Protein backbone atom coordinates (compact mmCIF):
# COMPACT_ATOMS: atom_id res chain seq x y z
CA MET A 1 31.74 -66.74 -95.27
CA GLU A 2 30.71 -69.69 -93.78
CA ARG A 3 34.43 -70.89 -93.10
CA ASP A 4 34.45 -67.78 -90.53
CA ALA A 5 31.13 -68.61 -89.04
CA PRO A 6 32.09 -71.07 -86.42
CA ILE A 7 34.92 -68.89 -85.47
CA ALA A 8 32.53 -65.69 -84.44
CA ARG A 9 30.78 -68.14 -82.45
CA MET A 10 34.27 -69.37 -80.60
CA TYR A 11 35.21 -64.90 -80.11
CA ALA A 12 30.97 -64.83 -78.61
CA LEU A 13 31.82 -67.93 -76.15
CA VAL A 14 35.03 -66.37 -75.13
CA LYS A 15 33.94 -63.56 -74.68
CA VAL A 16 30.54 -64.55 -72.24
CA LEU A 17 32.38 -67.05 -69.90
CA MET A 18 35.02 -63.95 -69.64
CA ASN A 19 32.49 -62.08 -68.12
CA ARG A 20 31.03 -64.55 -66.17
CA SER A 21 34.93 -65.26 -64.44
CA THR A 22 35.74 -61.62 -64.28
CA PRO A 23 35.34 -61.71 -60.41
CA VAL A 24 37.80 -64.94 -60.39
CA LEU A 25 40.07 -63.17 -62.97
CA THR A 26 40.96 -60.07 -60.70
CA PHE A 27 41.15 -62.42 -57.35
CA LEU A 28 43.85 -64.66 -59.96
CA LEU A 29 45.95 -61.24 -60.96
CA LEU A 30 45.47 -59.44 -57.70
CA LEU A 31 46.51 -62.63 -55.31
CA PRO A 32 50.24 -62.05 -56.17
CA ILE A 33 50.25 -58.76 -55.02
CA GLY A 34 49.38 -59.19 -51.78
CA ILE A 35 51.40 -62.43 -51.03
CA SER A 36 54.02 -59.99 -52.21
CA ALA A 37 52.95 -57.27 -50.17
CA GLU A 38 52.67 -59.78 -46.49
CA ALA A 39 55.99 -61.16 -47.49
CA GLY A 40 57.19 -57.53 -47.50
CA ALA A 41 55.78 -56.91 -44.77
CA ALA A 42 57.10 -60.33 -43.14
CA TRP A 43 60.48 -59.24 -43.60
CA ALA A 44 60.35 -55.71 -42.51
CA ARG A 45 59.47 -56.94 -38.98
CA GLN A 46 61.97 -59.76 -39.04
CA THR A 47 65.25 -57.08 -39.29
CA PRO A 48 66.14 -55.10 -36.42
CA VAL A 49 65.37 -51.59 -38.22
CA GLY A 50 61.84 -52.87 -38.45
CA GLN A 51 61.48 -54.56 -35.35
CA LYS A 52 62.92 -51.32 -33.38
CA ALA A 53 60.50 -49.75 -35.48
CA ALA A 54 57.51 -51.53 -34.20
CA ASP A 55 58.45 -51.50 -30.27
CA ASN A 56 58.73 -48.09 -30.61
CA GLN A 57 55.65 -47.33 -32.16
CA ALA A 58 54.69 -49.62 -28.85
CA GLN A 59 56.21 -47.77 -26.81
CA SER A 60 55.07 -44.24 -27.77
CA SER A 61 51.23 -45.46 -27.73
CA ARG A 62 51.87 -45.93 -24.27
CA GLY A 63 53.69 -42.86 -23.20
CA ALA A 64 57.03 -43.71 -21.74
CA HIS A 65 56.92 -42.01 -18.27
CA GLY A 66 53.58 -40.63 -17.67
CA ASP A 67 53.79 -37.92 -15.42
CA PRO A 68 57.69 -36.76 -15.76
CA THR A 69 57.20 -34.94 -12.11
CA TYR A 70 56.92 -38.43 -10.54
CA VAL A 71 58.83 -39.66 -7.97
CA ILE A 72 59.64 -43.14 -7.55
CA GLY A 73 58.74 -44.87 -3.97
CA ALA A 74 58.76 -47.96 -1.77
CA ASN A 75 55.77 -50.20 -3.24
CA ASP A 76 55.40 -49.10 -6.96
CA VAL A 77 55.52 -51.50 -9.87
CA LEU A 78 57.88 -50.93 -12.61
CA ALA A 79 57.86 -52.42 -16.12
CA ILE A 80 61.50 -51.98 -16.96
CA ASN A 81 62.44 -53.09 -20.64
CA VAL A 82 66.22 -53.11 -22.14
CA TRP A 83 65.25 -53.11 -25.94
CA LYS A 84 66.20 -57.20 -27.55
CA GLU A 85 67.48 -58.04 -24.02
CA PRO A 86 64.14 -59.86 -23.03
CA ASP A 87 66.23 -62.08 -20.21
CA ILE A 88 66.48 -58.88 -18.17
CA SER A 89 63.28 -56.96 -19.09
CA ARG A 90 60.92 -57.52 -16.59
CA SER A 91 58.21 -56.18 -13.48
CA VAL A 92 59.55 -55.48 -10.30
CA PRO A 93 58.29 -54.38 -7.42
CA VAL A 94 60.52 -51.49 -5.22
CA ARG A 95 60.96 -53.23 -1.78
CA SER A 96 60.58 -51.03 1.20
CA ASP A 97 63.72 -50.24 1.32
CA GLY A 98 63.59 -48.49 -1.94
CA LYS A 99 65.87 -50.65 -3.88
CA ILE A 100 65.25 -53.12 -6.90
CA SER A 101 67.46 -55.50 -8.48
CA LEU A 102 67.83 -56.90 -12.59
CA PRO A 103 70.46 -59.15 -13.48
CA LEU A 104 73.70 -57.91 -14.58
CA VAL A 105 72.46 -54.90 -12.98
CA GLY A 106 72.67 -55.68 -9.18
CA GLU A 107 70.51 -53.52 -6.76
CA LEU A 108 69.86 -50.45 -7.41
CA GLN A 109 68.58 -47.65 -5.06
CA ALA A 110 64.96 -46.59 -7.44
CA SER A 111 63.37 -44.97 -5.00
CA GLY A 112 63.72 -40.99 -4.37
CA GLN A 113 64.02 -41.06 -8.93
CA THR A 114 61.67 -40.59 -11.54
CA PRO A 115 61.41 -42.95 -14.07
CA LEU A 116 63.65 -40.81 -16.47
CA GLN A 117 66.79 -40.91 -13.91
CA LEU A 118 66.27 -44.60 -13.41
CA GLU A 119 66.27 -44.84 -16.46
CA GLN A 120 69.94 -43.45 -17.13
CA GLN A 121 70.89 -45.47 -14.05
CA ILE A 122 70.80 -48.89 -15.49
CA ALA A 123 71.48 -48.00 -18.55
CA LYS A 124 74.86 -47.02 -17.24
CA ARG A 125 75.48 -50.06 -15.66
CA LEU A 126 74.13 -52.37 -17.97
CA GLN A 127 77.24 -50.31 -20.16
CA SER A 128 79.75 -52.90 -19.26
CA TYR A 129 78.00 -55.89 -20.82
CA ILE A 130 75.72 -54.27 -23.61
CA SER A 131 76.29 -52.16 -26.60
CA GLU A 132 74.45 -48.90 -26.27
CA PRO A 133 71.54 -50.28 -24.08
CA GLU A 134 67.77 -48.79 -24.54
CA VAL A 135 66.01 -48.87 -21.13
CA THR A 136 62.26 -47.94 -20.58
CA VAL A 137 60.69 -47.19 -17.17
CA ILE A 138 57.05 -46.84 -16.54
CA VAL A 139 55.25 -47.00 -13.05
CA THR A 140 52.60 -49.96 -13.80
CA ASP A 141 51.00 -49.69 -9.95
CA SER A 142 52.07 -46.92 -8.15
CA LYS A 143 51.31 -47.73 -4.34
CA SER A 144 53.30 -45.16 -2.93
CA GLN A 145 53.05 -41.72 -4.13
CA LYS A 146 48.93 -40.74 -2.72
CA VAL A 147 47.70 -38.81 -0.74
CA ASN A 148 44.31 -39.37 1.43
CA ILE A 149 41.42 -37.53 0.86
CA LEU A 150 38.52 -37.82 4.15
CA GLY A 151 35.93 -36.21 5.38
CA MET A 152 33.08 -33.37 3.96
CA VAL A 153 34.26 -33.37 0.02
CA PRO A 154 32.88 -35.28 -2.88
CA ARG A 155 34.38 -37.58 -3.58
CA PRO A 156 36.83 -38.67 -0.62
CA GLY A 157 39.54 -41.18 -1.07
CA ALA A 158 43.00 -41.77 -1.76
CA TYR A 159 45.08 -39.80 -5.12
CA LEU A 160 48.14 -39.55 -7.23
CA LEU A 161 50.58 -37.28 -5.43
CA THR A 162 52.67 -35.27 -7.65
CA SER A 163 55.65 -33.05 -6.25
CA SER A 164 54.09 -30.13 -6.94
CA THR A 165 50.56 -31.13 -5.31
CA THR A 166 49.58 -28.73 -2.44
CA VAL A 167 46.08 -28.72 -0.17
CA LEU A 168 44.16 -27.04 -2.58
CA ASP A 169 45.34 -29.23 -5.22
CA ALA A 170 43.66 -31.98 -2.87
CA ILE A 171 40.72 -30.42 -2.55
CA ALA A 172 40.24 -29.68 -6.19
CA MET A 173 40.82 -33.72 -6.54
CA ALA A 174 38.21 -34.37 -4.38
CA GLY A 175 35.57 -32.05 -6.11
CA GLY A 176 35.73 -28.96 -3.19
CA PHE A 177 33.82 -28.93 -0.55
CA LYS A 178 30.32 -30.44 0.18
CA ASP A 179 27.70 -28.28 2.37
CA PHE A 180 28.02 -27.37 6.15
CA ALA A 181 31.82 -28.27 5.71
CA LYS A 182 34.18 -26.20 8.45
CA GLN A 183 36.49 -24.86 5.48
CA LYS A 184 38.19 -23.00 7.89
CA SER A 185 38.74 -25.92 10.45
CA ILE A 186 40.98 -28.35 7.82
CA TYR A 187 44.48 -30.16 8.52
CA VAL A 188 47.16 -32.19 7.42
CA LEU A 189 47.67 -35.14 9.20
CA ARG A 190 51.74 -36.32 8.60
CA GLN A 191 53.16 -38.79 9.90
CA ALA A 192 56.81 -38.24 11.41
CA PRO A 193 59.91 -40.28 10.63
CA ASP A 194 60.10 -41.37 14.50
CA GLY A 195 56.57 -42.87 14.14
CA THR A 196 54.41 -39.73 15.58
CA GLU A 197 51.85 -37.88 13.60
CA LYS A 198 51.96 -34.00 13.42
CA ARG A 199 48.75 -32.17 13.01
CA ILE A 200 48.78 -28.87 10.33
CA PRO A 201 46.06 -26.75 10.26
CA PHE A 202 44.89 -25.49 6.84
CA ASN A 203 42.38 -22.66 6.61
CA TYR A 204 40.90 -22.56 3.18
CA LYS A 205 38.89 -19.13 4.00
CA ASP A 206 41.89 -16.96 5.09
CA VAL A 207 44.39 -18.60 1.99
CA ILE A 208 42.10 -18.24 -0.50
CA LYS A 209 42.14 -14.35 0.84
CA GLY A 210 46.06 -14.15 0.25
CA LYS A 211 46.58 -15.12 4.16
CA ASN A 212 48.97 -17.38 5.53
CA THR A 213 49.40 -18.70 2.80
CA ASP A 214 52.41 -20.63 4.04
CA GLN A 215 49.69 -23.33 5.29
CA ASN A 216 48.98 -24.28 1.70
CA ILE A 217 51.92 -26.63 1.91
CA ARG A 218 53.21 -29.22 -0.57
CA LEU A 219 51.80 -32.60 0.46
CA GLN A 220 53.69 -35.89 1.05
CA ALA A 221 53.26 -39.13 0.60
CA GLY A 222 51.42 -40.38 2.97
CA ASP A 223 49.72 -37.55 4.19
CA THR A 224 46.02 -37.34 5.15
CA VAL A 225 43.74 -34.32 4.03
CA VAL A 226 40.91 -33.82 6.41
CA VAL A 227 38.14 -31.74 6.07
CA PRO A 228 35.67 -31.93 9.42
């Protein structure tokens, strides 16, 4: 029994130390697992599949095109990304002649196209140099497709224009009418190609009653809706 006493005391001491060191031991046991997981994630990011998945996730979070009906115009700013081609990917403004310029692509007509259509045009030109090019076009600053709404409306200003925006849509975007607005005397100012300005009447009272609905025209970039 006396020979067993030192062994018993030693066992008790080891048990106490283990209880006190549990957090440390747990950390030491889990540390290799954490390192392995991080190493695996790093490897995945470095492989083509992992990198492409990360890129796709980033694109999805941004939204690739926004409004699919948006038509690119002069002075818009475009972010053009060609996957795995940083020397080609860049932000470019649309020139006043409606064209952009990219390495390997050259000059390309951007004005009058949607972002998706422009993507297809760029990819087609790159096929001679890159196998299966993946192109994304995002309008980061829309400076062309806007319409102005002025006068007796709660929120006058410039608004983004889509291909289907009408005079009624513009009035709704501006919050309707203020008190005493002359709803029968609204008009649209539109600049003609020769530089002259055309005045197009719009009688709100008639249109909402189903009369003269042809006055509810589709607006064009640069139009100004005036509510007296």
